[in-house]
Amino acid sequence: MVKDLVCGMEVDEEKAPAKLEYKGKMYYFCAPVCKEPFEKEPEKYIKPHRRCC
């Protein structure tokens, strides 16, 4: 199981309804609706957001 970086849902790599290769790594999504924003701004979802100074 892997995490859908857009919605946070756990996704089975073998059964994922949507997937995308980006910079040599495969990303898995629970649905095409989660894949779409990742395609537009992948770095927004890949890089961790800092909430502190």
C-alpha atoms as a PDB file:
ATOM      1  CA  MET A   1       0.000   0.000   0.000  1.00  0.00           C
ATOM      2  CA  VAL A   2       1.104   3.525  -0.784  1.00  0.00           C
ATOM      3  CA  LYS A   3      -0.308   6.931   0.037  1.00  0.00           C
ATOM      4  CA  ASP A   4      -2.174   9.030  -2.511  1.00  0.00           C
ATOM      5  CA  LEU A   5      -0.295  12.323  -2.089  1.00  0.00           C
ATOM      6  CA  VAL A   6      -3.324  14.385  -3.082  1.00  0.00           C
ATOM      7  CA  CYS A   7      -6.007  13.071  -0.698  1.00  0.00           C
ATOM      8  CA  GLY A   8      -3.950  10.974   1.736  1.00  0.00           C
ATOM      9  CA  MET A   9      -5.843   7.741   1.100  1.00  0.00           C
ATOM     10  CA  GLU A  10      -3.991   4.405   1.166  1.00  0.00           C
ATOM     11  CA  VAL A  11      -3.861   2.853  -2.327  1.00  0.00           C
ATOM     12  CA  ASP A  12      -2.950  -0.676  -3.428  1.00  0.00           C
ATOM     13  CA  GLU A  13      -0.337  -0.323  -6.197  1.00  0.00           C
ATOM     14  CA  GLU A  14      -1.718  -3.377  -8.001  1.00  0.00           C
ATOM     15  CA  LYS A  15      -5.309  -2.059  -8.082  1.00  0.00           C
ATOM     16  CA  ALA A  16      -4.800   1.703  -8.263  1.00  0.00           C
ATOM     17  CA  PRO A  17      -7.334   3.264 -10.642  1.00  0.00           C
ATOM     18  CA  ALA A  18      -4.818   5.947 -11.645  1.00  0.00           C
ATOM     19  CA  LYS A  19      -1.040   6.192 -11.734  1.00  0.00           C
ATOM     20  CA  LEU A  20       1.599   8.480 -13.164  1.00  0.00           C
ATOM     21  CA  GLU A  21       5.356   8.309 -13.570  1.00  0.00           C
ATOM     22  CA  TYR A  22       7.135  11.529 -12.637  1.00  0.00           C
ATOM     23  CA  LYS A  23      10.910  11.979 -12.584  1.00  0.00           C
ATOM     24  CA  GLY A  24      11.450   8.226 -12.698  1.00  0.00           C
ATOM     25  CA  LYS A  25       9.118   7.425  -9.801  1.00  0.00           C
ATOM     26  CA  MET A  26       5.624   5.971 -10.030  1.00  0.00           C
ATOM     27  CA  TYR A  27       2.835   7.668  -8.078  1.00  0.00           C
ATOM     28  CA  TYR A  28      -0.513   6.025  -7.403  1.00  0.00           C
ATOM     29  CA  PHE A  29      -3.912   7.635  -6.921  1.00  0.00           C
ATOM     30  CA  CYS A  30      -7.255   6.493  -5.548  1.00  0.00           C
ATOM     31  CA  ALA A  31      -9.049   8.012  -8.562  1.00  0.00           C
ATOM     32  CA  PRO A  32      -8.382  10.042 -11.717  1.00  0.00           C
ATOM     33  CA  VAL A  33      -9.757  13.100  -9.904  1.00  0.00           C
ATOM     34  CA  CYS A  34      -6.729  12.942  -7.569  1.00  0.00           C
ATOM     35  CA  LYS A  35      -4.279  12.357 -10.415  1.00  0.00           C
ATOM     36  CA  GLU A  36      -5.331  15.545 -12.250  1.00  0.00           C
ATOM     37  CA  PRO A  37      -4.129  18.121  -9.695  1.00  0.00           C
ATOM     38  CA  PHE A  38      -0.897  16.156  -9.239  1.00  0.00           C
ATOM     39  CA  GLU A  39      -0.260  16.324 -13.005  1.00  0.00           C
ATOM     40  CA  LYS A  40      -0.700  20.108 -12.948  1.00  0.00           C
ATOM     41  CA  GLU A  41       1.509  20.807  -9.892  1.00  0.00           C
ATOM     42  CA  PRO A  42       3.459  17.679  -8.899  1.00  0.00           C
ATOM     43  CA  GLU A  43       6.032  19.510  -6.778  1.00  0.00           C
ATOM     44  CA  LYS A  44       3.244  20.933  -4.622  1.00  0.00           C
ATOM     45  CA  TYR A  45       2.383  17.395  -3.508  1.00  0.00           C
ATOM     46  CA  ILE A  46       5.853  15.836  -3.448  1.00  0.00           C
ATOM     47  CA  LYS A  47       7.688  18.387  -1.319  1.00  0.00           C
ATOM     48  CA  PRO A  48       6.742  18.442   2.363  1.00  0.00           C
ATOM     49  CA  HIS A  49       5.239  21.680   3.574  1.00  0.00           C
ATOM     50  CA  ARG A  50       6.882  23.359   6.519  1.00  0.00           C
ATOM     51  CA  ARG A  51       4.493  24.740   9.070  1.00  0.00           C
ATOM     52  CA  CYS A  52       7.033  26.144  11.427  1.00  0.00           C
ATOM     53  CA  CYS A  53       9.866  28.635  11.202  1.00  0.00           C
END
